[in-house]
Amino acid sequence: MRYVVLASLLVLLGIVNATARSLEAIRQRGALTLCAHPNALPYASRHDAIPGFQVEIAGALAKRLGVSLEQRWVINSFQYRRADCDIILDAIADRAALAEVGLRMSQPYHRSGVALAVGPKSGVASLTELGPDLRVGVPVGSIASMTLGRRGVKTSPFAFEDDIMDALAKGEIDAAAVTPAAIGWFNKTHPDGRVRRVPAFEDDPDLNWNVAVGMVGPDEKLRQDVDAALQALLADGTLAKIYARYDVELQPPQ
């Protein structure tokens, strides 16, 4: 599981030769295509039994648009650049940044960011209670790592969020600075060793962001229909139910 979700990787790596596509063309083809990682739960997986919330949300969008869903499984920069997909999920809702790589964004549908998790027996109740003898697991080179470093908090860098959560479960670190999705998925898959989320970064604009659907060169009709579909899925509780299956709480954008 990557700390920077797959949609953000697309922004970092760039999408080249993105061509505009219309809702009519997607309906003629009969499918909406999603770019996603094949092994990045809870975000996405090629296994139908547990597809990940990105795949489930994309499937719900496709159904609303009257088409099926097809996945383009991508794991590296070359594949991202070559993949012929219509949408990505969890695109950080920065209109200008997305436009630079040929993406247009839908209305935001969820708020994510960085959260702080502690073990079930920890007495820590907030970020301010992290004493000098406690160590926090962080994604290597992350903004969270720098933020905690400026506060004088000891940190341990890890490549992946699931490694951070495993270290927390084993007591190798005292807290974990990870996404809420990582916390939720850990608790879902470790019901007898659930961790606690404590207040930490909620007021830090660098560590909180809205997410949207990133669309590759959509026409205006496709953008409008994706927005309408998202509104309907929010209104009828579909998005909340999808996230809840992964022990993630749907948060309203700000």
Protein backbone atom coordinates (compact mmCIF):
# COMPACT_ATOMS: atom_id res chain seq x y z
CA MET A 1 0.00 0.00 0.00
CA ARG A 2 1.57 3.29 -1.07
CA TYR A 3 1.47 6.36 1.14
CA VAL A 4 0.92 8.58 -1.89
CA VAL A 5 -2.19 7.05 -3.43
CA LEU A 6 -2.07 5.97 -7.03
CA ALA A 7 -3.89 8.98 -8.34
CA SER A 8 -1.22 11.22 -6.87
CA LEU A 9 1.45 9.17 -8.59
CA LEU A 10 -0.18 10.01 -11.88
CA VAL A 11 0.20 13.68 -11.06
CA LEU A 12 3.85 13.20 -10.15
CA LEU A 13 4.70 11.04 -13.14
CA GLY A 14 2.61 12.83 -15.70
CA ILE A 15 0.15 11.58 -18.27
CA VAL A 16 1.34 12.02 -21.81
CA ASN A 17 -0.59 12.07 -25.04
CA ALA A 18 -3.94 12.16 -23.23
CA THR A 19 -6.70 12.49 -25.80
CA ALA A 20 -10.11 13.97 -25.21
CA ARG A 21 -12.95 11.51 -24.99
CA SER A 22 -16.67 12.03 -24.89
CA LEU A 23 -19.44 10.45 -22.87
CA GLU A 24 -20.96 9.36 -26.17
CA ALA A 25 -17.77 7.51 -27.11
CA ILE A 26 -17.66 5.77 -23.73
CA ARG A 27 -21.27 4.67 -24.12
CA GLN A 28 -20.63 3.44 -27.65
CA ARG A 29 -17.70 1.44 -26.33
CA GLY A 30 -19.90 0.22 -23.50
CA ALA A 31 -17.31 0.60 -20.76
CA LEU A 32 -15.66 3.15 -18.47
CA THR A 33 -11.98 2.36 -17.92
CA LEU A 34 -10.23 2.87 -14.58
CA CYS A 35 -6.48 3.02 -13.95
CA ALA A 36 -5.64 1.35 -10.64
CA HIS A 37 -2.93 -0.66 -8.92
CA PRO A 38 -3.56 -4.44 -8.91
CA ASN A 39 -2.33 -4.95 -5.34
CA ALA A 40 -2.96 -1.89 -3.17
CA LEU A 41 -5.75 -2.66 -0.74
CA PRO A 42 -7.83 -1.01 0.53
CA TYR A 43 -7.59 1.18 -2.60
CA ALA A 44 -7.67 -1.42 -5.35
CA SER A 45 -6.99 -5.07 -6.12
CA ARG A 46 -7.42 -7.34 -9.13
CA HIS A 47 -9.15 -9.91 -6.89
CA ASP A 48 -12.93 -9.74 -7.26
CA ALA A 49 -13.63 -10.92 -3.71
CA ILE A 50 -12.05 -7.75 -2.24
CA PRO A 51 -11.71 -5.25 -5.10
CA GLY A 52 -10.89 -2.16 -3.05
CA PHE A 53 -12.93 1.00 -2.65
CA GLN A 54 -11.54 2.68 -5.77
CA VAL A 55 -12.78 -0.20 -7.93
CA GLU A 56 -16.14 -0.29 -6.15
CA ILE A 57 -16.66 3.46 -6.51
CA ALA A 58 -15.68 3.34 -10.18
CA GLY A 59 -18.11 0.47 -10.70
CA ALA A 60 -20.91 2.47 -9.10
CA LEU A 61 -20.06 5.45 -11.33
CA ALA A 62 -20.03 3.27 -14.44
CA LYS A 63 -23.44 1.85 -13.54
CA ARG A 64 -24.83 5.36 -13.17
CA LEU A 65 -23.42 6.24 -16.60
CA GLY A 66 -25.06 3.16 -18.08
CA VAL A 67 -21.87 1.27 -18.95
CA SER A 68 -19.70 -1.50 -17.51
CA LEU A 69 -16.34 -0.99 -15.79
CA GLU A 70 -12.97 -2.09 -17.15
CA GLN A 71 -9.71 -1.90 -15.21
CA ARG A 72 -6.28 -0.98 -16.49
CA TRP A 73 -3.84 -2.43 -13.97
CA VAL A 74 -0.76 -0.22 -13.68
CA ILE A 75 2.19 -0.40 -11.29
CA ASN A 76 4.95 1.79 -12.70
CA SER A 77 5.54 5.07 -14.50
CA PHE A 78 5.80 3.50 -17.95
CA GLN A 79 2.45 1.75 -17.57
CA TYR A 80 0.79 4.88 -16.23
CA ARG A 81 1.92 6.89 -19.21
CA ARG A 82 0.79 4.22 -21.67
CA ALA A 83 -2.49 3.21 -20.05
CA ASP A 84 -5.61 4.13 -21.96
CA CYS A 85 -7.95 4.91 -19.09
CA ASP A 86 -10.86 7.31 -18.68
CA ILE A 87 -10.62 7.96 -14.96
CA ILE A 88 -8.53 7.61 -11.82
CA LEU A 89 -9.88 7.71 -8.27
CA ASP A 90 -8.57 9.61 -5.25
CA ALA A 91 -7.07 12.38 -7.36
CA ILE A 92 -6.00 15.16 -5.01
CA ALA A 93 -8.42 17.95 -5.81
CA ASP A 94 -5.98 20.53 -7.14
CA ARG A 95 -7.44 21.74 -10.42
CA ALA A 96 -4.29 23.44 -11.69
CA ALA A 97 -1.97 20.54 -10.86
CA LEU A 98 -4.27 18.03 -12.53
CA ALA A 99 -4.61 20.21 -15.61
CA GLU A 100 -0.84 20.17 -16.04
CA VAL A 101 -0.97 16.41 -16.63
CA GLY A 102 -4.06 16.40 -18.81
CA LEU A 103 -6.67 15.65 -16.16
CA ARG A 104 -9.88 17.41 -15.28
CA MET A 105 -11.37 16.86 -11.87
CA SER A 106 -14.88 16.12 -10.75
CA GLN A 107 -16.41 17.76 -7.75
CA PRO A 108 -14.62 16.55 -4.59
CA TYR A 109 -16.39 13.64 -2.92
CA HIS A 110 -14.21 12.79 0.12
CA ARG A 111 -11.60 14.30 2.42
CA SER A 112 -8.43 12.40 3.25
CA GLY A 113 -4.99 13.21 4.60
CA VAL A 114 -2.69 12.02 7.35
CA ALA A 115 -3.84 10.68 10.71
CA LEU A 116 -2.08 9.43 13.83
CA ALA A 117 -2.67 5.90 15.10
CA VAL A 118 -1.56 4.38 18.40
CA GLY A 119 -1.79 0.89 19.81
CA PRO A 120 -4.81 -0.22 21.85
CA LYS A 121 -2.87 -0.09 25.12
CA SER A 122 -1.24 3.29 24.48
CA GLY A 123 -2.05 6.11 26.84
CA VAL A 124 -1.40 8.75 24.17
CA ALA A 125 -4.57 10.74 23.44
CA SER A 126 -3.23 13.46 21.12
CA LEU A 127 -0.19 14.59 19.17
CA THR A 128 0.85 16.89 22.01
CA GLU A 129 1.26 13.86 24.29
CA LEU A 130 4.04 12.32 22.21
CA GLY A 131 6.96 12.53 24.58
CA PRO A 132 10.66 12.60 23.62
CA ASP A 133 11.00 8.88 24.29
CA LEU A 134 8.25 7.89 21.82
CA ARG A 135 8.85 7.11 18.16
CA VAL A 136 6.43 7.61 15.25
CA GLY A 137 6.52 5.59 12.05
CA VAL A 138 6.32 7.80 8.94
CA PRO A 139 6.50 7.33 5.18
CA VAL A 140 10.05 8.09 4.10
CA GLY A 141 10.50 11.64 2.80
CA SER A 142 6.90 12.61 3.58
CA ILE A 143 5.53 15.96 4.71
CA ALA A 144 4.36 14.23 7.89
CA SER A 145 7.95 13.22 8.59
CA MET A 146 9.14 16.80 8.19
CA THR A 147 6.26 18.19 10.26
CA LEU A 148 6.97 15.86 13.16
CA GLY A 149 10.71 16.49 12.87
CA ARG A 150 10.12 20.23 13.30
CA ARG A 151 8.21 19.43 16.50
CA GLY A 152 11.13 17.45 17.86
CA VAL A 153 9.31 14.11 17.59
CA LYS A 154 11.43 11.03 16.91
CA THR A 155 10.48 9.31 13.68
CA SER A 156 11.22 6.01 11.94
CA PRO A 157 10.93 6.01 8.13
CA PHE A 158 9.23 3.20 6.20
CA ALA A 159 8.65 2.66 2.51
CA PHE A 160 5.00 1.55 2.77
CA GLU A 161 2.07 2.21 5.05
CA ASP A 162 1.37 -1.46 5.71
CA ASP A 163 4.96 -1.81 7.01
CA ILE A 164 4.30 1.08 9.39
CA MET A 165 1.12 -0.54 10.66
CA ASP A 166 2.85 -3.89 11.13
CA ALA A 167 5.59 -2.18 13.15
CA LEU A 168 2.99 -0.48 15.32
CA ALA A 169 1.23 -3.80 15.94
CA LYS A 170 4.54 -5.41 16.97
CA GLY A 171 5.37 -2.55 19.34
CA GLU A 172 8.43 -1.52 17.35
CA ILE A 173 7.10 2.04 17.17
CA ASP A 174 4.73 3.95 19.43
CA ALA A 175 2.53 5.63 16.83
CA ALA A 176 1.95 5.73 13.07
CA ALA A 177 1.43 8.75 10.81
CA VAL A 178 -0.57 7.24 7.95
CA THR A 179 -3.73 7.80 5.94
CA PRO A 180 -7.12 7.08 7.52
CA ALA A 181 -7.56 4.38 4.88
CA ALA A 182 -4.48 2.56 6.19
CA ILE A 183 -5.82 2.70 9.74
CA GLY A 184 -9.25 1.50 8.69
CA TRP A 185 -7.90 -1.37 6.60
CA PHE A 186 -5.57 -2.49 9.39
CA ASN A 187 -8.49 -2.58 11.83
CA LYS A 188 -10.63 -4.42 9.29
CA THR A 189 -8.01 -7.11 8.85
CA HIS A 190 -6.89 -7.23 12.50
CA PRO A 191 -10.15 -7.20 14.49
CA ASP A 192 -8.43 -8.48 17.64
CA GLY A 193 -5.70 -5.85 17.54
CA ARG A 194 -7.45 -2.70 16.45
CA VAL A 195 -5.50 0.55 16.79
CA ARG A 196 -6.84 3.92 17.89
CA ARG A 197 -6.86 7.13 15.89
CA VAL A 198 -6.00 10.16 17.99
CA PRO A 199 -6.18 13.92 17.17
CA ALA A 200 -3.05 15.12 15.40
CA PHE A 201 -3.02 16.86 12.04
CA GLU A 202 -6.63 17.91 11.47
CA ASP A 203 -5.80 21.64 11.28
CA ASP A 204 -2.72 21.31 9.07
CA PRO A 205 -3.62 22.20 5.45
CA ASP A 206 -0.52 20.40 4.16
CA LEU A 207 -1.69 17.12 5.68
CA ASN A 208 -5.35 17.19 4.67
CA TRP A 209 -6.84 17.23 1.18
CA ASN A 210 -10.01 16.69 -0.78
CA VAL A 211 -10.13 13.93 -3.38
CA ALA A 212 -11.98 13.83 -6.68
CA VAL A 213 -12.34 11.75 -9.83
CA GLY A 214 -9.56 12.58 -12.27
CA MET A 215 -10.81 12.39 -15.86
CA VAL A 216 -8.54 12.08 -18.87
CA GLY A 217 -9.55 14.79 -21.36
CA PRO A 218 -13.32 14.56 -20.80
CA ASP A 219 -15.86 16.54 -22.75
CA GLU A 220 -18.20 18.75 -20.75
CA LYS A 221 -21.04 16.21 -20.89
CA LEU A 222 -18.89 13.49 -19.32
CA ARG A 223 -17.69 15.84 -16.57
CA GLN A 224 -21.26 16.92 -15.79
CA ASP A 225 -22.57 13.36 -15.72
CA VAL A 226 -19.75 12.18 -13.46
CA ASP A 227 -20.57 15.04 -11.07
CA ALA A 228 -24.27 14.11 -11.17
CA ALA A 229 -23.44 10.46 -10.53
CA LEU A 230 -21.25 11.38 -7.55
CA GLN A 231 -24.03 13.53 -6.11
CA ALA A 232 -26.47 10.64 -6.41
CA LEU A 233 -24.04 8.15 -4.84
CA LEU A 234 -23.43 10.53 -1.95
CA ALA A 235 -27.13 11.22 -1.48
CA ASP A 236 -28.25 7.59 -1.40
CA GLY A 237 -25.43 6.48 0.89
CA THR A 238 -23.65 4.30 -1.66
CA LEU A 239 -20.24 5.95 -1.19
CA ALA A 240 -20.50 5.77 2.60
CA LYS A 241 -21.36 2.07 2.42
CA ILE A 242 -18.46 1.33 0.08
CA TYR A 243 -15.95 3.04 2.36
CA ALA A 244 -17.47 1.37 5.43
CA ARG A 245 -16.73 -2.05 3.97
CA TYR A 246 -13.06 -1.14 4.37
CA ASP A 247 -13.55 0.41 7.81
CA VAL A 248 -13.07 3.91 6.38
CA GLU A 249 -15.43 6.76 7.29
CA LEU A 250 -16.59 8.95 4.42
CA GLN A 251 -15.59 12.53 5.27
CA PRO A 252 -17.23 15.52 3.60
CA PRO A 253 -14.89 17.71 1.53
CA GLN A 254 -13.93 21.15 2.83
